Protein backbone atom coordinates (compact mmCIF):
# COMPACT_ATOMS: atom_id res chain seq x y z
CA MET A 1 32.84 -129.69 152.25
CA ALA A 2 34.14 -128.29 149.01
CA ALA A 3 30.90 -129.18 147.24
CA HIS A 4 28.87 -127.40 149.87
CA SER A 5 30.90 -124.24 149.48
CA HIS A 6 30.51 -124.42 145.74
CA ASP A 7 26.63 -124.53 146.02
CA LYS A 8 26.57 -121.52 148.35
CA SER A 9 28.79 -119.61 145.97
CA ARG A 10 26.53 -120.41 143.00
CA HIS A 11 23.45 -119.47 144.96
CA ALA A 12 25.03 -116.23 146.05
CA ALA A 13 25.90 -115.42 142.47
CA ALA A 14 22.26 -115.83 141.54
CA ASP A 15 21.39 -112.98 143.94
CA ARG A 16 23.84 -110.52 142.30
CA ILE A 17 23.73 -108.61 139.02
CA VAL A 18 27.07 -107.65 137.41
CA ILE A 19 27.05 -104.58 135.18
CA GLU A 20 30.16 -103.88 133.09
CA ARG A 21 30.55 -100.46 131.50
CA GLY A 22 33.78 -99.05 129.99
CA GLY A 23 35.84 -101.82 131.50
CA ARG A 24 34.34 -101.06 134.85
CA ARG A 25 32.39 -103.75 136.60
CA THR A 26 29.56 -102.94 138.95
CA THR A 27 27.97 -105.59 141.07
CA VAL A 28 24.43 -105.07 142.38
CA SER A 29 23.19 -107.31 145.16
CA LEU A 30 19.46 -108.19 145.21
CA PRO A 31 17.42 -109.68 147.95
CA ARG A 32 16.30 -113.30 147.62
CA HIS A 33 14.02 -113.77 144.52
CA GLY A 34 14.59 -110.15 143.57
CA ALA A 35 15.51 -111.08 139.99
CA THR A 36 12.12 -112.74 139.54
CA VAL A 37 10.29 -109.69 140.83
CA LEU A 38 12.34 -107.42 138.64
CA CYS A 39 11.59 -109.51 135.58
CA LEU A 40 7.89 -109.47 136.36
CA PHE A 41 8.02 -105.71 136.78
CA ILE A 42 9.79 -105.27 133.45
CA LEU A 43 7.25 -107.62 131.79
CA GLY A 44 4.33 -105.64 133.23
CA LEU A 45 5.92 -102.44 132.04
CA LEU A 46 6.20 -103.90 128.55
CA VAL A 47 2.53 -105.05 128.61
CA TRP A 48 1.37 -101.65 129.78
CA SER A 49 3.42 -100.00 127.07
CA ALA A 50 1.89 -102.32 124.48
CA GLY A 51 -1.65 -101.59 125.78
CA ALA A 52 -1.05 -97.86 125.82
CA GLY A 53 0.24 -98.06 122.31
CA ALA A 54 -2.76 -100.09 121.18
CA TYR A 55 -5.15 -97.60 122.86
CA VAL A 56 -3.39 -94.74 121.06
CA LEU A 57 -3.61 -96.64 117.79
CA PHE A 58 -7.24 -97.82 118.14
CA HIS A 59 -8.68 -94.92 120.18
CA ASP A 60 -10.59 -93.38 117.27
CA THR A 61 -12.05 -96.72 116.23
CA VAL A 62 -13.29 -97.45 119.76
CA VAL A 63 -14.77 -93.99 120.14
CA ALA A 64 -16.46 -94.32 116.74
CA GLU A 65 -17.99 -97.67 117.76
CA LEU A 66 -19.24 -96.23 121.03
CA ARG A 67 -20.78 -93.24 119.26
CA HIS A 68 -22.38 -95.51 116.66
CA GLY A 69 -23.91 -97.66 119.42
CA ALA A 70 -25.21 -94.57 121.21
CA ARG A 71 -26.78 -93.27 118.00
CA ALA A 72 -28.40 -96.66 117.33
CA ALA A 73 -29.82 -96.77 120.85
CA GLN A 74 -31.13 -93.23 120.46
CA LYS A 75 -32.83 -94.10 117.19
CA GLY A 76 -34.40 -97.16 118.83
CA TYR A 77 -35.77 -95.03 121.66
CA GLU A 78 -37.09 -92.46 119.21
CA ALA A 79 -38.77 -95.19 117.13
CA GLN A 80 -40.37 -96.66 120.25
CA ILE A 81 -41.59 -93.24 121.36
CA SER A 82 -42.97 -92.60 117.86
CA THR A 83 -44.78 -95.94 117.94
CA LEU A 84 -46.29 -95.19 121.33
CA ARG A 85 -47.32 -91.73 120.12
CA ASP A 86 -49.02 -93.26 117.04
CA GLU A 87 -50.79 -95.85 119.18
CA LEU A 88 -52.02 -93.12 121.50
CA GLY A 89 -53.33 -91.18 118.49
CA ARG A 90 -55.11 -94.26 117.18
CA ALA A 91 -56.59 -94.90 120.60
CA ARG A 92 -57.91 -91.34 120.72
CA THR A 93 -59.34 -91.73 117.21
CA ARG A 94 -61.02 -95.00 118.16
CA ARG A 95 -62.46 -93.36 121.26
CA LEU A 96 -63.90 -90.53 119.17
CA VAL A 97 -65.34 -92.98 116.63
CA GLU A 98 -66.80 -95.16 119.39
CA SER A 99 -68.26 -92.10 121.07
CA ALA A 100 -69.89 -90.99 117.81
CA GLY A 101 -71.10 -94.56 117.17
CA LEU A 102 -72.54 -94.78 120.70
CA ASP A 103 -74.46 -91.54 120.19
CA GLU A 104 -75.92 -92.89 116.94
CA ARG A 105 -76.74 -96.21 118.60
CA LEU A 106 -78.48 -94.50 121.51
CA ALA A 107 -80.45 -92.31 119.08
CA GLU A 108 -81.57 -95.43 117.21
CA LEU A 109 -82.51 -97.17 120.46
CA ALA A 110 -84.51 -94.10 121.51
CA ARG A 111 -86.44 -94.27 118.22
CA ARG A 112 -87.12 -97.96 118.78
CA GLN A 113 -88.30 -97.18 122.32
CA GLU A 114 -90.77 -94.61 121.01
CA ALA A 115 -92.03 -97.15 118.47
CA LEU A 116 -92.48 -99.68 121.29
CA GLU A 117 -94.62 -97.26 123.27
CA ARG A 118 -96.79 -96.47 120.23
CA ARG A 119 -97.22 -100.18 119.56
CA GLN A 120 -98.15 -100.76 123.19
CA LEU A 121 -101.01 -98.28 122.85
CA THR A 122 -102.06 -99.94 119.58
CA LEU A 123 -102.15 -103.33 121.29
CA ALA A 124 -104.37 -101.90 124.02
CA GLU A 125 -106.78 -100.55 121.40
CA LEU A 126 -106.81 -103.86 119.52
CA SER A 127 -107.48 -105.85 122.69
CA ASP A 128 -110.56 -103.83 123.71
CA PRO A 129 -113.06 -105.34 121.25
CA VAL A 130 -111.75 -108.80 122.04
CA ALA A 131 -112.11 -108.11 125.75
CA ALA A 132 -115.64 -106.81 125.26
CA ASP A 133 -116.78 -109.88 123.36
CA ALA A 134 -114.65 -112.67 124.73
CA GLY A 135 -115.19 -112.49 128.49
CA ASP A 136 -112.31 -113.37 130.78
CA SER A 137 -109.98 -114.49 127.99
CA GLY A 138 -110.37 -111.13 126.31
CA SER A 139 -109.74 -109.39 129.59
CA ALA A 140 -106.50 -111.32 129.93
CA LEU A 141 -105.45 -110.14 126.50
CA ALA A 142 -106.39 -106.60 127.38
CA TYR A 143 -104.21 -106.80 130.48
CA ALA A 144 -101.33 -108.24 128.45
CA ALA A 145 -101.58 -105.36 125.99
CA LYS A 146 -102.10 -102.64 128.59
CA PRO A 147 -99.38 -99.95 128.28
CA GLN A 148 -96.86 -100.50 131.06
CA PRO A 149 -93.39 -99.10 131.82
CA LEU A 150 -90.95 -101.04 129.66
CA GLU A 151 -87.57 -102.32 130.89
CA SER A 152 -85.95 -100.63 127.91
CA ARG A 153 -87.16 -97.24 129.13
CA ALA A 154 -85.60 -97.95 132.55
CA ALA A 155 -82.32 -98.91 130.87
CA LEU A 156 -82.36 -95.72 128.82
CA ASP A 157 -82.91 -93.72 132.01
CA ASP A 158 -79.99 -95.60 133.62
CA ILE A 159 -77.64 -94.46 130.86
CA GLY A 160 -78.66 -90.84 131.35
CA ALA A 161 -78.27 -91.13 135.12
CA ASP A 162 -74.85 -92.77 134.82
CA GLU A 163 -73.61 -90.08 132.44
CA ALA A 164 -74.90 -87.34 134.75
CA ALA A 165 -73.21 -88.95 137.76
CA GLY A 166 -69.98 -89.72 135.90
CA SER A 167 -70.40 -93.44 136.46
CA SER A 168 -67.49 -95.71 135.61
CA ARG A 169 -69.80 -98.25 134.01
CA SER A 170 -69.23 -98.56 130.26
CA PRO A 171 -71.92 -96.76 128.20
CA SER A 172 -71.50 -99.40 125.50
CA ASN A 173 -72.44 -102.10 128.03
CA LEU A 174 -75.50 -100.12 129.04
CA SER A 175 -76.49 -99.64 125.41
CA GLU A 176 -76.18 -103.38 124.88
CA ARG A 177 -78.43 -103.93 127.88
CA LEU A 178 -80.95 -101.48 126.44
CA SER A 179 -80.82 -103.13 123.02
CA THR A 180 -81.45 -106.54 124.58
CA SER A 181 -84.36 -105.17 126.63
CA ILE A 182 -85.95 -103.61 123.54
CA ASP A 183 -85.52 -106.86 121.60
CA GLU A 184 -87.31 -108.76 124.38
CA ALA A 185 -90.11 -106.18 124.52
CA GLU A 186 -90.59 -106.40 120.75
CA GLN A 187 -90.85 -110.18 121.02
CA ARG A 188 -93.45 -109.89 123.80
CA GLN A 189 -95.46 -107.43 121.72
CA ALA A 190 -95.31 -109.75 118.71
CA ARG A 191 -96.58 -112.65 120.85
CA THR A 192 -99.39 -110.49 122.26
CA LEU A 193 -100.35 -109.36 118.76
CA GLU A 194 -100.50 -112.95 117.53
CA GLY A 195 -102.57 -113.86 120.60
CA ILE A 196 -105.11 -111.18 119.69
CA ALA A 197 -105.05 -112.39 116.07
CA ALA A 198 -105.68 -115.99 117.17
CA LYS A 199 -108.57 -114.95 119.44
CA THR A 200 -110.12 -112.78 116.74
CA GLY A 201 -109.77 -115.51 114.13
CA GLN A 202 -111.30 -118.10 116.47
CA ARG A 203 -114.28 -115.84 117.17
CA ARG A 204 -114.84 -115.17 113.49
CA ARG A 205 -114.84 -118.89 112.70
CA THR A 206 -117.29 -119.56 115.51
CA LEU A 207 -119.61 -116.76 114.38
CA GLU A 208 -119.55 -118.09 110.84
CA LYS A 209 -120.44 -121.56 112.15
CA VAL A 210 -123.37 -119.99 114.04
CA TYR A 211 -124.60 -118.35 110.84
CA ASP A 212 -124.29 -121.65 109.00
CA ALA A 213 -126.09 -123.54 111.79
CA VAL A 214 -129.13 -121.23 111.82
CA GLY A 215 -129.10 -120.59 108.06
CA ALA A 216 -128.92 -116.84 108.53
CA ARG A 217 -127.50 -114.58 105.84
CA LYS A 218 -124.08 -113.21 106.70
CA PRO A 219 -123.66 -109.43 106.56
CA ALA A 220 -121.57 -107.92 103.78
CA LEU A 221 -117.96 -107.54 104.91
CA THR A 222 -116.79 -105.26 102.08
CA ASP A 223 -117.62 -101.71 100.99
CA GLY A 224 -119.43 -102.97 97.88
CA LYS A 225 -116.88 -101.68 95.37
CA ALA A 226 -116.03 -103.91 92.41
CA ARG A 227 -112.97 -106.03 93.16
CA GLY A 228 -111.81 -109.61 92.57
CA GLY A 229 -109.03 -112.11 92.06
CA PRO A 230 -108.03 -115.49 93.52
CA PHE A 231 -107.41 -115.61 97.25
CA GLU A 232 -103.77 -116.08 98.19
CA PRO A 233 -103.16 -115.65 101.94
CA LEU A 234 -100.11 -113.65 102.95
CA PRO A 235 -97.99 -115.25 105.71
CA ALA A 236 -98.10 -113.24 108.94
CA ARG A 237 -94.30 -113.40 109.26
CA ALA A 238 -93.98 -111.54 105.95
CA LEU A 239 -95.82 -108.52 107.38
CA SER A 240 -94.43 -105.67 109.43
CA PHE A 241 -95.94 -104.96 112.84
CA GLU A 242 -98.02 -102.11 111.40
CA ALA A 243 -99.24 -104.20 108.43
CA ARG A 244 -100.15 -107.03 110.80
CA VAL A 245 -102.10 -104.57 112.97
CA ALA A 246 -104.02 -103.38 109.89
CA GLN A 247 -104.79 -107.00 108.99
CA ILE A 248 -106.04 -107.79 112.50
CA SER A 249 -108.07 -104.57 112.60
CA ALA A 250 -109.83 -105.62 109.39
CA GLU A 251 -110.50 -109.04 110.92
CA GLN A 252 -111.95 -107.41 114.03
CA ALA A 253 -114.16 -105.20 111.85
CA ALA A 254 -115.50 -108.35 110.19
CA VAL A 255 -116.13 -109.92 113.62
CA GLU A 256 -118.01 -106.82 114.75
CA ALA A 257 -120.17 -106.92 111.62
CA LEU A 258 -120.95 -110.60 112.24
CA ASP A 259 -121.72 -109.81 115.89
CA ARG A 260 -124.10 -107.02 114.89
CA GLY A 261 -125.81 -109.33 112.40
CA LEU A 262 -126.47 -111.85 115.19
CA ALA A 263 -128.06 -109.21 117.41
CA ASN A 264 -131.38 -109.93 115.62
CA VAL A 265 -131.00 -113.73 115.62
CA PRO A 266 -132.81 -115.51 118.52
CA LEU A 267 -129.89 -117.48 119.96
CA ARG A 268 -130.81 -117.12 123.65
CA THR A 269 -133.31 -119.28 125.46
CA PRO A 270 -136.50 -117.54 126.59
CA ALA A 271 -136.60 -119.59 129.80
CA PRO A 272 -133.14 -120.16 131.33
CA ARG A 273 -132.86 -123.30 133.51
CA ALA A 274 -136.51 -124.29 132.74
CA PRO A 275 -137.07 -127.94 131.70
CA VAL A 276 -138.57 -128.75 128.29
CA THR A 277 -141.93 -130.58 128.56
CA SER A 278 -142.59 -130.92 124.85
CA GLY A 279 -140.25 -130.68 121.87
CA PHE A 280 -140.61 -129.60 118.27
CA GLY A 281 -142.26 -131.87 115.70
CA ALA A 282 -144.57 -134.86 115.95
CA ARG A 283 -146.13 -135.59 119.35
CA SER A 284 -149.31 -136.90 120.97
CA ASP A 285 -151.82 -134.05 121.28
CA PRO A 286 -152.40 -133.36 125.03
CA PHE A 287 -156.17 -132.90 124.51
CA LEU A 288 -157.04 -135.45 121.82
CA GLY A 289 -154.30 -138.03 122.38
CA ARG A 290 -153.74 -138.21 118.62
CA LEU A 291 -150.46 -137.74 116.75
CA ALA A 292 -150.05 -134.07 115.82
CA PHE A 293 -147.42 -131.54 114.80
CA HIS A 294 -146.02 -129.28 117.52
CA ALA A 295 -144.64 -126.05 115.96
CA GLY A 296 -142.53 -125.01 118.93
CA VAL A 297 -141.01 -125.98 122.28
CA ASP A 298 -142.81 -125.90 125.64
CA PHE A 299 -140.82 -124.73 128.68
CA GLU A 300 -142.23 -125.57 132.11
CA GLU A 301 -142.28 -122.28 134.05
CA ALA A 302 -144.05 -121.10 137.19
CA TYR A 303 -147.05 -118.88 136.76
CA GLY A 304 -146.05 -115.20 136.58
CA GLU A 305 -142.41 -115.77 135.60
CA THR A 306 -140.95 -113.06 133.36
CA VAL A 307 -140.82 -113.73 129.60
CA LYS A 308 -137.98 -111.89 127.78
CA ALA A 309 -137.15 -111.32 124.13
CA THR A 310 -134.53 -113.70 122.73
CA ALA A 311 -133.28 -111.13 120.17
CA ALA A 312 -133.85 -107.56 119.03
CA GLY A 313 -136.72 -106.79 116.66
CA GLN A 314 -140.14 -105.21 116.28
CA VAL A 315 -143.37 -106.43 117.87
CA THR A 316 -145.94 -107.38 115.21
CA VAL A 317 -148.55 -109.13 117.41
CA ALA A 318 -149.33 -108.55 121.10
CA GLY A 319 -152.65 -109.96 122.30
CA PRO A 320 -155.02 -112.96 122.26
CA THR A 321 -154.35 -115.19 119.23
CA GLY A 322 -156.43 -118.39 118.97
CA GLY A 323 -154.92 -121.48 120.60
CA TYR A 324 -151.81 -119.43 121.56
CA GLY A 325 -153.86 -117.47 124.10
CA ASN A 326 -152.04 -114.24 124.89
CA MET A 327 -149.22 -114.18 122.36
CA VAL A 328 -146.37 -111.86 121.35
CA GLU A 329 -144.76 -112.14 117.93
CA ILE A 330 -141.50 -110.35 117.10
CA ASP A 331 -140.15 -109.73 113.60
CA HIS A 332 -136.33 -109.94 113.68
CA GLY A 333 -135.85 -109.10 110.00
CA GLY A 334 -134.84 -111.26 107.07
CA GLY A 335 -138.04 -113.31 107.35
CA LEU A 336 -137.13 -114.49 110.89
CA THR A 337 -139.82 -114.27 113.64
CA THR A 338 -140.37 -115.66 117.16
CA ARG A 339 -143.61 -116.33 119.03
CA TYR A 340 -144.31 -116.48 122.78
CA GLY A 341 -147.66 -118.06 123.74
CA HIS A 342 -150.02 -118.80 126.66
CA MET A 343 -148.86 -115.71 128.63
CA SER A 344 -150.89 -114.46 131.54
CA SER A 345 -150.11 -110.81 130.70
CA ILE A 346 -148.44 -108.81 127.94
CA ALA A 347 -146.06 -105.87 128.53
CA VAL A 348 -145.46 -104.67 124.93
CA THR A 349 -147.55 -103.26 122.10
CA PRO A 350 -147.55 -103.82 118.32
CA GLY A 351 -144.95 -101.69 116.50
CA GLN A 352 -142.74 -101.42 119.57
CA THR A 353 -139.02 -101.97 119.05
CA VAL A 354 -137.48 -104.32 121.58
CA LYS A 355 -133.94 -105.38 122.43
CA LEU A 356 -132.46 -108.64 123.62
CA GLY A 357 -133.77 -109.22 127.13
CA THR A 358 -136.75 -106.79 126.92
CA THR A 359 -139.64 -108.01 129.12
CA LEU A 360 -142.55 -109.14 126.94
CA GLY A 361 -144.95 -110.33 129.64
CA ARG A 362 -145.60 -113.08 132.20
CA VAL A 363 -145.92 -116.87 132.01
CA GLY A 364 -149.51 -118.15 132.13
CA SER A 365 -151.86 -120.83 130.81
CA THR A 366 -154.11 -118.95 128.42
CA GLY A 367 -155.41 -120.46 125.17
CA ARG A 368 -155.10 -124.17 124.44
CA SER A 369 -152.98 -125.12 127.45
CA THR A 370 -153.05 -127.75 130.19
CA GLY A 371 -151.08 -125.65 132.71
CA PRO A 372 -148.61 -122.78 133.20
CA HIS A 373 -145.81 -122.95 130.65
CA LEU A 374 -144.23 -120.95 127.83
CA HIS A 375 -144.79 -122.01 124.23
CA TYR A 376 -141.88 -120.73 122.12
CA GLU A 377 -141.58 -120.80 118.32
CA THR A 378 -139.09 -119.68 115.68
CA ARG A 379 -140.23 -119.22 112.09
CA VAL A 380 -138.35 -118.52 108.85
CA ASN A 381 -140.50 -116.90 106.16
CA GLY A 382 -143.57 -118.04 108.06
CA GLU A 383 -142.51 -121.68 108.30
CA ALA A 384 -141.93 -123.13 111.77
CA VAL A 385 -138.43 -124.47 112.42
CA ASP A 386 -136.98 -126.19 115.46
CA PRO A 387 -136.03 -123.49 118.02
CA PHE A 388 -133.12 -125.67 119.15
CA ARG A 389 -131.50 -125.06 115.79
CA PHE A 390 -130.93 -121.53 117.08
CA LEU A 391 -130.52 -122.35 120.78
CA ASN A 392 -127.75 -124.90 120.09
CA ALA A 393 -125.95 -122.33 117.95
CA GLY A 394 -126.29 -119.91 120.86
CA ARG A 395 -124.71 -122.47 123.20
CA MET A 396 -121.81 -122.81 120.74
CA LEU A 397 -121.28 -119.06 120.88
CA ALA A 398 -121.59 -118.98 124.67
CA ALA A 399 -119.03 -121.78 125.02
CA MET A 400 -116.51 -119.71 123.05
CA GLU A 401 -117.11 -116.69 125.27
CA ARG A 402 -116.39 -118.57 128.49
């Protein structure tokens, strides 16, 4: 019981604060746990006082740090803005340079387009003589070289239309399209040019073979001025388009000269589709049955069939001539002549100039003949030669023209 009273007294003393001042004692009673709260309050007050003191002491330093950070951030923003401004300036400069470059590129492409159109006309001119002499193949070349609207011109028009309409399509992309189109057109023109060159070269070689086969003299292909030196061919790839055109034009001029020279060479048959009843050379004479020389070729033709000149020339004989009966002789120049015998009638006179295909008369059986037929001869300097030497050369030329 005494112990219990002692604990209550000690506990009660813990809830009181005794203040002594000037010998006077003052006792303050606190609620339960009041001392703890008061201590915490005093501790907080001390902490706050310490913090306030620290703030007062370090205020300038903190403010200086904050200002320094703000200035650093401002400088960073200004540097970023300056960088963006410089980039914008460079972008504008690039745009101006690209615009100027595009104008120059389009001007260059326009010049190339004009050159393409001039070359297209040149190709058409070059293809005409080939078309005239080479039949269907030449016509195909002429069609290939015929001036036509080029894709590059359409692309160039597209650029102008897009600029006028404010199109969002990139002009540089359109210029690339135009450049590609012009490149392709130039390649097609180069192939066409080489096709004409190949056709012209083939015809020249064939004509030269014809001259060699018949033994005719080739016409002069130069202007006669004194020149010389070893022949060293220049590769076609080393020549510009214009130089290649000049080379092919010279080749075509040579072909035309060879063609004109053959106009007076009897390469055509005087009796198309007619069978041969007697060839050139040794044979059994139809009247005597003895071996004899036949100076020409006999073509079996119906009485009254038309007889036409096998080449251009001048009539030297037109009338009855011994065993030939009614005969026409034509001088083709260079010692070359042809004779047409046994005709029933004659349609030309001596001294008359005739062309290839001119009617000379009609098939008959006059003179030393066993029936209607055409006796045909070719002679070089008065000596009879086999007409098939010329007719086979003519077939070679006709095969090339098909």
